[in-house]
Amino acid sequence: MLIRIVRMTFLPEAVPAFLEIFRNSQEQIRQMPGCQFLELWQDADQPNVYCTHSHWDSADALNAYRRSALFGQVWPATKGLFAAPAQAFSVQQVPLAAL
């Protein structure tokens, strides 16, 4: 499983537009092949900073979403609202037997 966290800082006046984009796309993203989980977090100290937190079956599933028409609509609309570049982190669970 691959866990993906994307931290996004928005212009304060752009937050409502971002929340609308997320609301309108979250179910479609959750239904993408390989997506196991998707939620949105808001930074408790910085109200214009949000993180998406998603779980994917594999890097291939995440990459397929990133090549999809849905991503091609959601990401440019979201990116246009940023106050700073997004930070993305992908982590993969390591089986204890491998340690």
PDB file of N, CA and C in Angstrom:
ATOM      1  N   MET A   1       0.836  -1.174   0.000  1.00  0.00           N
ATOM      2  CA  MET A   1       0.000   0.000   0.000  1.00  0.00           C
ATOM      3  C   MET A   1       0.885   1.242   0.000  1.00  0.00           C
ATOM      4  N   LEU A   2       0.426   2.246  -0.738  1.00  0.00           N
ATOM      5  CA  LEU A   2       1.120   3.521  -0.832  1.00  0.00           C
ATOM      6  C   LEU A   2       0.247   4.593  -0.189  1.00  0.00           C
ATOM      7  N   ILE A   3       0.826   5.376   0.699  1.00  0.00           N
ATOM      8  CA  ILE A   3       0.120   6.481   1.338  1.00  0.00           C
ATOM      9  C   ILE A   3       0.653   7.765   0.734  1.00  0.00           C
ATOM     10  N   ARG A   4      -0.257   8.622   0.336  1.00  0.00           N
ATOM     11  CA  ARG A   4       0.117   9.882  -0.320  1.00  0.00           C
ATOM     12  C   ARG A   4      -0.470  11.045   0.473  1.00  0.00           C
ATOM     13  N   ILE A   5       0.375  11.991   0.833  1.00  0.00           N
ATOM     14  CA  ILE A   5      -0.054  13.204   1.505  1.00  0.00           C
ATOM     15  C   ILE A   5       0.414  14.384   0.664  1.00  0.00           C
ATOM     16  N   VAL A   6      -0.510  15.267   0.349  1.00  0.00           N
ATOM     17  CA  VAL A   6      -0.178  16.470  -0.415  1.00  0.00           C
ATOM     18  C   VAL A   6      -0.572  17.667   0.440  1.00  0.00           C
ATOM     19  N   ARG A   7       0.420  18.478   0.796  1.00  0.00           N
ATOM     20  CA  ARG A   7       0.209  19.678   1.621  1.00  0.00           C
ATOM     21  C   ARG A   7       0.110  20.878   0.696  1.00  0.00           C
ATOM     22  N   MET A   8      -1.000  21.616   0.834  1.00  0.00           N
ATOM     23  CA  MET A   8      -1.275  22.732  -0.052  1.00  0.00           C
ATOM     24  C   MET A   8      -1.577  23.987   0.761  1.00  0.00           C
ATOM     25  N   THR A   9      -0.930  25.084   0.407  1.00  0.00           N
ATOM     26  CA  THR A   9      -1.172  26.370   1.039  1.00  0.00           C
ATOM     27  C   THR A   9      -1.910  27.248   0.040  1.00  0.00           C
ATOM     28  N   PHE A  10      -3.069  27.721   0.444  1.00  0.00           N
ATOM     29  CA  PHE A  10      -3.916  28.506  -0.445  1.00  0.00           C
ATOM     30  C   PHE A  10      -3.929  29.968  -0.047  1.00  0.00           C
ATOM     31  N   LEU A  11      -4.194  30.809  -1.004  1.00  0.00           N
ATOM     32  CA  LEU A  11      -4.507  32.189  -0.686  1.00  0.00           C
ATOM     33  C   LEU A  11      -5.764  32.145   0.178  1.00  0.00           C
ATOM     34  N   PRO A  12      -5.847  32.920   1.257  1.00  0.00           N
ATOM     35  CA  PRO A  12      -7.006  32.837   2.146  1.00  0.00           C
ATOM     36  C   PRO A  12      -8.347  32.979   1.415  1.00  0.00           C
ATOM     37  N   GLU A  13      -8.412  33.879   0.457  1.00  0.00           N
ATOM     38  CA  GLU A  13      -9.666  34.074  -0.273  1.00  0.00           C
ATOM     39  C   GLU A  13      -9.976  32.929  -1.238  1.00  0.00           C
ATOM     40  N   ALA A  14      -9.004  32.052  -1.488  1.00  0.00           N
ATOM     41  CA  ALA A  14      -9.188  30.932  -2.415  1.00  0.00           C
ATOM     42  C   ALA A  14      -9.665  29.656  -1.726  1.00  0.00           C
ATOM     43  N   VAL A  15      -9.662  29.630  -0.397  1.00  0.00           N
ATOM     44  CA  VAL A  15     -10.045  28.414   0.336  1.00  0.00           C
ATOM     45  C   VAL A  15     -11.446  27.935  -0.050  1.00  0.00           C
ATOM     46  N   PRO A  16     -12.472  28.805  -0.102  1.00  0.00           N
ATOM     47  CA  PRO A  16     -13.803  28.302  -0.483  1.00  0.00           C
ATOM     48  C   PRO A  16     -13.818  27.637  -1.860  1.00  0.00           C
ATOM     49  N   ALA A  17     -13.081  28.181  -2.813  1.00  0.00           N
ATOM     50  CA  ALA A  17     -13.029  27.572  -4.146  1.00  0.00           C
ATOM     51  C   ALA A  17     -12.370  26.198  -4.089  1.00  0.00           C
ATOM     52  N   PHE A  18     -11.286  26.066  -3.315  1.00  0.00           N
ATOM     53  CA  PHE A  18     -10.650  24.762  -3.176  1.00  0.00           C
ATOM     54  C   PHE A  18     -11.600  23.752  -2.535  1.00  0.00           C
ATOM     55  N   LEU A  19     -12.281  24.156  -1.474  1.00  0.00           N
ATOM     56  CA  LEU A  19     -13.207  23.229  -0.801  1.00  0.00           C
ATOM     57  C   LEU A  19     -14.304  22.776  -1.746  1.00  0.00           C
ATOM     58  N   GLU A  20     -14.753  23.641  -2.616  1.00  0.00           N
ATOM     59  CA  GLU A  20     -15.767  23.269  -3.612  1.00  0.00           C
ATOM     60  C   GLU A  20     -15.192  22.252  -4.604  1.00  0.00           C
ATOM     61  N   ILE A  21     -13.975  22.482  -5.066  1.00  0.00           N
ATOM     62  CA  ILE A  21     -13.328  21.523  -5.978  1.00  0.00           C
ATOM     63  C   ILE A  21     -13.213  20.162  -5.296  1.00  0.00           C
ATOM     64  N   PHE A  22     -12.757  20.143  -4.056  1.00  0.00           N
ATOM     65  CA  PHE A  22     -12.600  18.874  -3.343  1.00  0.00           C
ATOM     66  C   PHE A  22     -13.949  18.183  -3.166  1.00  0.00           C
ATOM     67  N   ARG A  23     -14.945  18.936  -2.733  1.00  0.00           N
ATOM     68  CA  ARG A  23     -16.293  18.361  -2.536  1.00  0.00           C
ATOM     69  C   ARG A  23     -16.829  17.743  -3.821  1.00  0.00           C
ATOM     70  N   ASN A  24     -16.607  18.420  -4.934  1.00  0.00           N
ATOM     71  CA  ASN A  24     -17.133  17.944  -6.215  1.00  0.00           C
ATOM     72  C   ASN A  24     -16.367  16.769  -6.804  1.00  0.00           C
ATOM     73  N   SER A  25     -15.149  16.530  -6.333  1.00  0.00           N
ATOM     74  CA  SER A  25     -14.336  15.469  -6.943  1.00  0.00           C
ATOM     75  C   SER A  25     -14.030  14.300  -6.012  1.00  0.00           C
ATOM     76  N   GLN A  26     -14.262  14.438  -4.719  1.00  0.00           N
ATOM     77  CA  GLN A  26     -13.807  13.415  -3.774  1.00  0.00           C
ATOM     78  C   GLN A  26     -14.405  12.034  -4.057  1.00  0.00           C
ATOM     79  N   GLU A  27     -15.666  11.935  -4.375  1.00  0.00           N
ATOM     80  CA  GLU A  27     -16.256  10.614  -4.621  1.00  0.00           C
ATOM     81  C   GLU A  27     -15.697   9.994  -5.891  1.00  0.00           C
ATOM     82  N   GLN A  28     -15.474  10.806  -6.920  1.00  0.00           N
ATOM     83  CA  GLN A  28     -14.889  10.295  -8.159  1.00  0.00           C
ATOM     84  C   GLN A  28     -13.472   9.781  -7.917  1.00  0.00           C
ATOM     85  N   ILE A  29     -12.707  10.505  -7.116  1.00  0.00           N
ATOM     86  CA  ILE A  29     -11.343  10.050  -6.808  1.00  0.00           C
ATOM     87  C   ILE A  29     -11.393   8.756  -6.017  1.00  0.00           C
ATOM     88  N   ARG A  30     -12.269   8.686  -5.015  1.00  0.00           N
ATOM     89  CA  ARG A  30     -12.396   7.471  -4.207  1.00  0.00           C
ATOM     90  C   ARG A  30     -12.772   6.260  -5.047  1.00  0.00           C
ATOM     91  N   GLN A  31     -13.434   6.484  -6.162  1.00  0.00           N
ATOM     92  CA  GLN A  31     -13.854   5.379  -7.023  1.00  0.00           C
ATOM     93  C   GLN A  31     -12.809   4.996  -8.071  1.00  0.00           C
ATOM     94  N   MET A  32     -11.703   5.711  -8.099  1.00  0.00           N
ATOM     95  CA  MET A  32     -10.638   5.367  -9.046  1.00  0.00           C
ATOM     96  C   MET A  32     -10.066   4.001  -8.670  1.00  0.00           C
ATOM     97  N   PRO A  33      -9.735   3.156  -9.653  1.00  0.00           N
ATOM     98  CA  PRO A  33      -9.147   1.857  -9.340  1.00  0.00           C
ATOM     99  C   PRO A  33      -7.896   2.016  -8.471  1.00  0.00           C
ATOM    100  N   GLY A  34      -7.872   1.288  -7.374  1.00  0.00           N
ATOM    101  CA  GLY A  34      -6.716   1.305  -6.489  1.00  0.00           C
ATOM    102  C   GLY A  34      -6.794   2.285  -5.347  1.00  0.00           C
ATOM    103  N   CYS A  35      -7.750   3.221  -5.373  1.00  0.00           N
ATOM    104  CA  CYS A  35      -7.882   4.168  -4.264  1.00  0.00           C
ATOM    105  C   CYS A  35      -8.652   3.488  -3.138  1.00  0.00           C
ATOM    106  N   GLN A  36      -8.017   3.380  -1.999  1.00  0.00           N
ATOM    107  CA  GLN A  36      -8.635   2.731  -0.842  1.00  0.00           C
ATOM    108  C   GLN A  36      -9.200   3.741   0.152  1.00  0.00           C
ATOM    109  N   PHE A  37      -8.695   4.967   0.127  1.00  0.00           N
ATOM    110  CA  PHE A  37      -9.021   5.921   1.184  1.00  0.00           C
ATOM    111  C   PHE A  37      -8.663   7.319   0.713  1.00  0.00           C
ATOM    112  N   LEU A  38      -9.504   8.289   1.054  1.00  0.00           N
ATOM    113  CA  LEU A  38      -9.212   9.687   0.751  1.00  0.00           C
ATOM    114  C   LEU A  38      -9.897  10.564   1.783  1.00  0.00           C
ATOM    115  N   GLU A  39      -9.128  11.469   2.380  1.00  0.00           N
ATOM    116  CA  GLU A  39      -9.730  12.456   3.265  1.00  0.00           C
ATOM    117  C   GLU A  39      -8.946  13.748   3.182  1.00  0.00           C
ATOM    118  N   LEU A  40      -9.538  14.799   3.743  1.00  0.00           N
ATOM    119  CA  LEU A  40      -8.945  16.123   3.728  1.00  0.00           C
ATOM    120  C   LEU A  40      -8.698  16.561   5.159  1.00  0.00           C
ATOM    121  N   TRP A  41      -7.521  17.112   5.408  1.00  0.00           N
ATOM    122  CA  TRP A  41      -7.157  17.634   6.724  1.00  0.00           C
ATOM    123  C   TRP A  41      -6.922  19.128   6.591  1.00  0.00           C
ATOM    124  N   GLN A  42      -7.257  19.861   7.659  1.00  0.00           N
ATOM    125  CA  GLN A  42      -6.944  21.289   7.718  1.00  0.00           C
ATOM    126  C   GLN A  42      -5.938  21.505   8.838  1.00  0.00           C
ATOM    127  N   ASP A  43      -4.906  22.299   8.581  1.00  0.00           N
ATOM    128  CA  ASP A  43      -3.913  22.613   9.595  1.00  0.00           C
ATOM    129  C   ASP A  43      -4.589  23.399  10.720  1.00  0.00           C
ATOM    130  N   ALA A  44      -4.417  22.952  11.947  1.00  0.00           N
ATOM    131  CA  ALA A  44      -5.065  23.589  13.095  1.00  0.00           C
ATOM    132  C   ALA A  44      -4.526  24.987  13.358  1.00  0.00           C
ATOM    133  N   ASP A  45      -3.303  25.261  12.960  1.00  0.00           N
ATOM    134  CA  ASP A  45      -2.680  26.556  13.226  1.00  0.00           C
ATOM    135  C   ASP A  45      -2.709  27.502  12.030  1.00  0.00           C
ATOM    136  N   GLN A  46      -2.902  26.947  10.840  1.00  0.00           N
ATOM    137  CA  GLN A  46      -2.889  27.758   9.621  1.00  0.00           C
ATOM    138  C   GLN A  46      -4.140  27.410   8.805  1.00  0.00           C
ATOM    139  N   PRO A  47      -5.215  28.157   8.945  1.00  0.00           N
ATOM    140  CA  PRO A  47      -6.485  27.780   8.329  1.00  0.00           C
ATOM    141  C   PRO A  47      -6.501  27.771   6.805  1.00  0.00           C
ATOM    142  N   ASN A  48      -5.461  28.276   6.163  1.00  0.00           N
ATOM    143  CA  ASN A  48      -5.419  28.215   4.698  1.00  0.00           C
ATOM    144  C   ASN A  48      -4.493  27.095   4.200  1.00  0.00           C
ATOM    145  N   VAL A  49      -4.076  26.193   5.107  1.00  0.00           N
ATOM    146  CA  VAL A  49      -3.233  25.051   4.740  1.00  0.00           C
ATOM    147  C   VAL A  49      -4.048  23.776   4.899  1.00  0.00           C
ATOM    148  N   TYR A  50      -4.088  22.981   3.833  1.00  0.00           N
ATOM    149  CA  TYR A  50      -4.836  21.727   3.810  1.00  0.00           C
ATOM    150  C   TYR A  50      -3.925  20.606   3.317  1.00  0.00           C
ATOM    151  N   CYS A  51      -4.247  19.391   3.727  1.00  0.00           N
ATOM    152  CA  CYS A  51      -3.549  18.205   3.234  1.00  0.00           C
ATOM    153  C   CYS A  51      -4.578  17.194   2.760  1.00  0.00           C
ATOM    154  N   THR A  52      -4.320  16.617   1.595  1.00  0.00           N
ATOM    155  CA  THR A  52      -5.085  15.446   1.206  1.00  0.00           C
ATOM    156  C   THR A  52      -4.298  14.233   1.671  1.00  0.00           C
ATOM    157  N   HIS A  53      -4.997  13.245   2.155  1.00  0.00           N
ATOM    158  CA  HIS A  53      -4.398  12.010   2.667  1.00  0.00           C
ATOM    159  C   HIS A  53      -5.115  10.873   1.959  1.00  0.00           C
ATOM    160  N   SER A  54      -4.370  10.114   1.175  1.00  0.00           N
ATOM    161  CA  SER A  54      -4.983   9.019   0.422  1.00  0.00           C
ATOM    162  C   SER A  54      -4.144   7.751   0.523  1.00  0.00           C
ATOM    163  N   HIS A  55      -4.815   6.626   0.376  1.00  0.00           N
ATOM    164  CA  HIS A  55      -4.161   5.309   0.348  1.00  0.00           C
ATOM    165  C   HIS A  55      -4.444   4.687  -1.010  1.00  0.00           C
ATOM    166  N   TRP A  56      -3.409   4.108  -1.601  1.00  0.00           N
ATOM    167  CA  TRP A  56      -3.502   3.497  -2.931  1.00  0.00           C
ATOM    168  C   TRP A  56      -2.961   2.080  -2.868  1.00  0.00           C
ATOM    169  N   ASP A  57      -3.517   1.201  -3.673  1.00  0.00           N
ATOM    170  CA  ASP A  57      -3.050  -0.186  -3.722  1.00  0.00           C
ATOM    171  C   ASP A  57      -1.570  -0.265  -4.071  1.00  0.00           C
ATOM    172  N   SER A  58      -1.133   0.647  -4.945  1.00  0.00           N
ATOM    173  CA  SER A  58       0.251   0.599  -5.436  1.00  0.00           C
ATOM    174  C   SER A  58       0.613   1.943  -6.062  1.00  0.00           C
ATOM    175  N   ALA A  59       1.880   2.101  -6.342  1.00  0.00           N
ATOM    176  CA  ALA A  59       2.337   3.294  -7.059  1.00  0.00           C
ATOM    177  C   ALA A  59       1.729   3.336  -8.453  1.00  0.00           C
ATOM    178  N   ASP A  60       1.534   2.158  -9.054  1.00  0.00           N
ATOM    179  CA  ASP A  60       0.912   2.111 -10.387  1.00  0.00           C
ATOM    180  C   ASP A  60      -0.506   2.667 -10.353  1.00  0.00           C
ATOM    181  N   ALA A  61      -1.273   2.348  -9.301  1.00  0.00           N
ATOM    182  CA  ALA A  61      -2.649   2.860  -9.180  1.00  0.00           C
ATOM    183  C   ALA A  61      -2.637   4.376  -9.018  1.00  0.00           C
ATOM    184  N   LEU A  62      -1.737   4.890  -8.182  1.00  0.00           N
ATOM    185  CA  LEU A  62      -1.636   6.341  -8.011  1.00  0.00           C
ATOM    186  C   LEU A  62      -1.233   7.007  -9.323  1.00  0.00           C
ATOM    187  N   ASN A  63      -0.275   6.436 -10.010  1.00  0.00           N
ATOM    188  CA  ASN A  63       0.165   7.006 -11.288  1.00  0.00           C
ATOM    189  C   ASN A  63      -0.937   6.964 -12.341  1.00  0.00           C
ATOM    190  N   ALA A  64      -1.754   5.916 -12.327  1.00  0.00           N
ATOM    191  CA  ALA A  64      -2.886   5.840 -13.265  1.00  0.00           C
ATOM    192  C   ALA A  64      -3.872   6.976 -12.979  1.00  0.00           C
ATOM    193  N   TYR A  65      -4.130   7.242 -11.703  1.00  0.00           N
ATOM    194  CA  TYR A  65      -4.994   8.381 -11.358  1.00  0.00           C
ATOM    195  C   TYR A  65      -4.363   9.691 -11.839  1.00  0.00           C
ATOM    196  N   ARG A  66      -3.073   9.838 -11.635  1.00  0.00           N
ATOM    197  CA  ARG A  66      -2.392  11.074 -12.020  1.00  0.00           C
ATOM    198  C   ARG A  66      -2.358  11.273 -13.539  1.00  0.00           C
ATOM    199  N   ARG A  67      -2.568  10.203 -14.304  1.00  0.00           N
ATOM    200  CA  ARG A  67      -2.653  10.306 -15.770  1.00  0.00           C
ATOM    201  C   ARG A  67      -4.103  10.432 -16.248  1.00  0.00           C
ATOM    202  N   SER A  68      -5.067  10.359 -15.332  1.00  0.00           N
ATOM    203  CA  SER A  68      -6.484  10.340 -15.701  1.00  0.00           C
ATOM    204  C   SER A  68      -7.007  11.723 -16.088  1.00  0.00           C
ATOM    205  N   ALA A  69      -8.127  11.709 -16.806  1.00  0.00           N
ATOM    206  CA  ALA A  69      -8.794  12.961 -17.176  1.00  0.00           C
ATOM    207  C   ALA A  69      -9.274  13.695 -15.926  1.00  0.00           C
ATOM    208  N   LEU A  70      -9.697  12.956 -14.908  1.00  0.00           N
ATOM    209  CA  LEU A  70     -10.155  13.582 -13.672  1.00  0.00           C
ATOM    210  C   LEU A  70      -9.031  14.406 -13.038  1.00  0.00           C
ATOM    211  N   PHE A  71      -7.848  13.813 -12.894  1.00  0.00           N
ATOM    212  CA  PHE A  71      -6.706  14.541 -12.350  1.00  0.00           C
ATOM    213  C   PHE A  71      -6.378  15.742 -13.229  1.00  0.00           C
ATOM    214  N   GLY A  72      -6.501  15.560 -14.535  1.00  0.00           N
ATOM    215  CA  GLY A  72      -6.233  16.641 -15.486  1.00  0.00           C
ATOM    216  C   GLY A  72      -7.166  17.827 -15.318  1.00  0.00           C
ATOM    217  N   GLN A  73      -8.321  17.609 -14.684  1.00  0.00           N
ATOM    218  CA  GLN A  73      -9.248  18.707 -14.391  1.00  0.00           C
ATOM    219  C   GLN A  73      -9.016  19.263 -12.989  1.00  0.00           C
ATOM    220  N   VAL A  74      -8.873  18.357 -12.015  1.00  0.00           N
ATOM    221  CA  VAL A  74      -8.797  18.757 -10.608  1.00  0.00           C
ATOM    222  C   VAL A  74      -7.491  19.476 -10.295  1.00  0.00           C
ATOM    223  N   TRP A  75      -6.369  18.921 -10.717  1.00  0.00           N
ATOM    224  CA  TRP A  75      -5.080  19.485 -10.311  1.00  0.00           C
ATOM    225  C   TRP A  75      -4.857  20.895 -10.854  1.00  0.00           C
ATOM    226  N   PRO A  76      -5.066  21.176 -12.133  1.00  0.00           N
ATOM    227  CA  PRO A  76      -4.841  22.546 -12.604  1.00  0.00           C
ATOM    228  C   PRO A  76      -5.755  23.569 -11.909  1.00  0.00           C
ATOM    229  N   ALA A  77      -7.000  23.186 -11.646  1.00  0.00           N
ATOM    230  CA  ALA A  77      -7.922  24.104 -10.964  1.00  0.00           C
ATOM    231  C   ALA A  77      -7.459  24.367  -9.535  1.00  0.00           C
ATOM    232  N   THR A  78      -6.963  23.321  -8.864  1.00  0.00           N
ATOM    233  CA  THR A  78      -6.477  23.458  -7.489  1.00  0.00           C
ATOM    234  C   THR A  78      -5.187  24.272  -7.463  1.00  0.00           C
ATOM    235  N   LYS A  79      -4.265  23.917  -8.339  1.00  0.00           N
ATOM    236  CA  LYS A  79      -2.948  24.568  -8.385  1.00  0.00           C
ATOM    237  C   LYS A  79      -3.064  26.067  -8.629  1.00  0.00           C
ATOM    238  N   GLY A  80      -4.079  26.477  -9.343  1.00  0.00           N
ATOM    239  CA  GLY A  80      -4.284  27.888  -9.622  1.00  0.00           C
ATOM    240  C   GLY A  80      -4.648  28.711  -8.394  1.00  0.00           C
ATOM    241  N   LEU A  81      -4.946  28.031  -7.286  1.00  0.00           N
ATOM    242  CA  LEU A  81      -5.362  28.703  -6.054  1.00  0.00           C
ATOM    243  C   LEU A  81      -4.250  28.778  -5.011  1.00  0.00           C
ATOM    244  N   PHE A  82      -3.091  28.205  -5.310  1.00  0.00           N
ATOM    245  CA  PHE A  82      -2.000  28.116  -4.342  1.00  0.00           C
ATOM    246  C   PHE A  82      -1.381  29.467  -4.015  1.00  0.00           C
ATOM    247  N   ALA A  83      -0.973  29.615  -2.747  1.00  0.00           N
ATOM    248  CA  ALA A  83      -0.168  30.750  -2.313  1.00  0.00           C
ATOM    249  C   ALA A  83       1.312  30.361  -2.296  1.00  0.00           C
ATOM    250  N   ALA A  84       1.583  29.042  -2.322  1.00  0.00           N
ATOM    251  CA  ALA A  84       2.949  28.510  -2.311  1.00  0.00           C
ATOM    252  C   ALA A  84       2.908  27.147  -3.002  1.00  0.00           C
ATOM    253  N   PRO A  85       4.034  26.670  -3.510  1.00  0.00           N
ATOM    254  CA  PRO A  85       4.046  25.351  -4.149  1.00  0.00           C
ATOM    255  C   PRO A  85       3.596  24.245  -3.176  1.00  0.00           C
ATOM    256  N   ALA A  86       2.909  23.267  -3.723  1.00  0.00           N
ATOM    257  CA  ALA A  86       2.468  22.125  -2.910  1.00  0.00           C
ATOM    258  C   ALA A  86       3.665  21.246  -2.576  1.00  0.00           C
ATOM    259  N   GLN A  87       3.525  20.513  -1.476  1.00  0.00           N
ATOM    260  CA  GLN A  87       4.525  19.520  -1.080  1.00  0.00           C
ATOM    261  C   GLN A  87       3.822  18.168  -1.073  1.00  0.00           C
ATOM    262  N   ALA A  88       4.411  17.199  -1.745  1.00  0.00           N
ATOM    263  CA  ALA A  88       3.809  15.869  -1.824  1.00  0.00           C
ATOM    264  C   ALA A  88       4.756  14.840  -1.226  1.00  0.00           C
ATOM    265  N   PHE A  89       4.179  13.933  -0.465  1.00  0.00           N
ATOM    266  CA  PHE A  89       4.938  12.868   0.183  1.00  0.00           C
ATOM    267  C   PHE A  89       4.255  11.545  -0.103  1.00  0.00           C
ATOM    268  N   SER A  90       5.021  10.559  -0.515  1.00  0.00           N
ATOM    269  CA  SER A  90       4.505   9.202  -0.697  1.00  0.00           C
ATOM    270  C   SER A  90       5.315   8.282   0.192  1.00  0.00           C
ATOM    271  N   VAL A  91       4.633   7.469   0.966  1.00  0.00           N
ATOM    272  CA  VAL A  91       5.310   6.508   1.823  1.00  0.00           C
ATOM    273  C   VAL A  91       4.703   5.141   1.588  1.00  0.00           C
ATOM    274  N   GLN A  92       5.517   4.137   1.749  1.00  0.00           N
ATOM    275  CA  GLN A  92       5.082   2.769   1.543  1.00  0.00           C
ATOM    276  C   GLN A  92       5.336   1.984   2.809  1.00  0.00           C
ATOM    277  N   GLN A  93       4.380   1.176   3.170  1.00  0.00           N
ATOM    278  CA  GLN A  93       4.512   0.353   4.369  1.00  0.00           C
ATOM    279  C   GLN A  93       5.553  -0.726   4.136  1.00  0.00           C
ATOM    280  N   VAL A  94       6.423  -0.907   5.110  1.00  0.00           N
ATOM    281  CA  VAL A  94       7.458  -1.931   5.035  1.00  0.00           C
ATOM    282  C   VAL A  94       7.030  -3.100   5.912  1.00  0.00           C
ATOM    283  N   PRO A  95       6.892  -4.303   5.346  1.00  0.00           N
ATOM    284  CA  PRO A  95       6.526  -5.471   6.166  1.00  0.00           C
ATOM    285  C   PRO A  95       7.591  -5.732   7.232  1.00  0.00           C
ATOM    286  N   LEU A  96       7.169  -6.044   8.429  1.00  0.00           N
ATOM    287  CA  LEU A  96       8.121  -6.309   9.512  1.00  0.00           C
ATOM    288  C   LEU A  96       9.088  -7.420   9.154  1.00  0.00           C
ATOM    289  N   ALA A  97       8.652  -8.385   8.383  1.00  0.00           N
ATOM    290  CA  ALA A  97       9.526  -9.505   8.001  1.00  0.00           C
ATOM    291  C   ALA A  97      10.711  -9.029   7.166  1.00  0.00           C
ATOM    292  N   ALA A  98      10.559  -7.876   6.503  1.00  0.00           N
ATOM    293  CA  ALA A  98      11.631  -7.357   5.664  1.00  0.00           C
ATOM    294  C   ALA A  98      12.707  -6.643   6.483  1.00  0.00           C
ATOM    295  N   LEU A  99      12.438  -6.377   7.758  1.00  0.00           N
ATOM    296  CA  LEU A  99      13.416  -5.646   8.579  1.00  0.00           C
ATOM    297  C   LEU A  99      14.451  -6.540   9.171  1.00  0.00           C
TER     298      LEU A  99
END
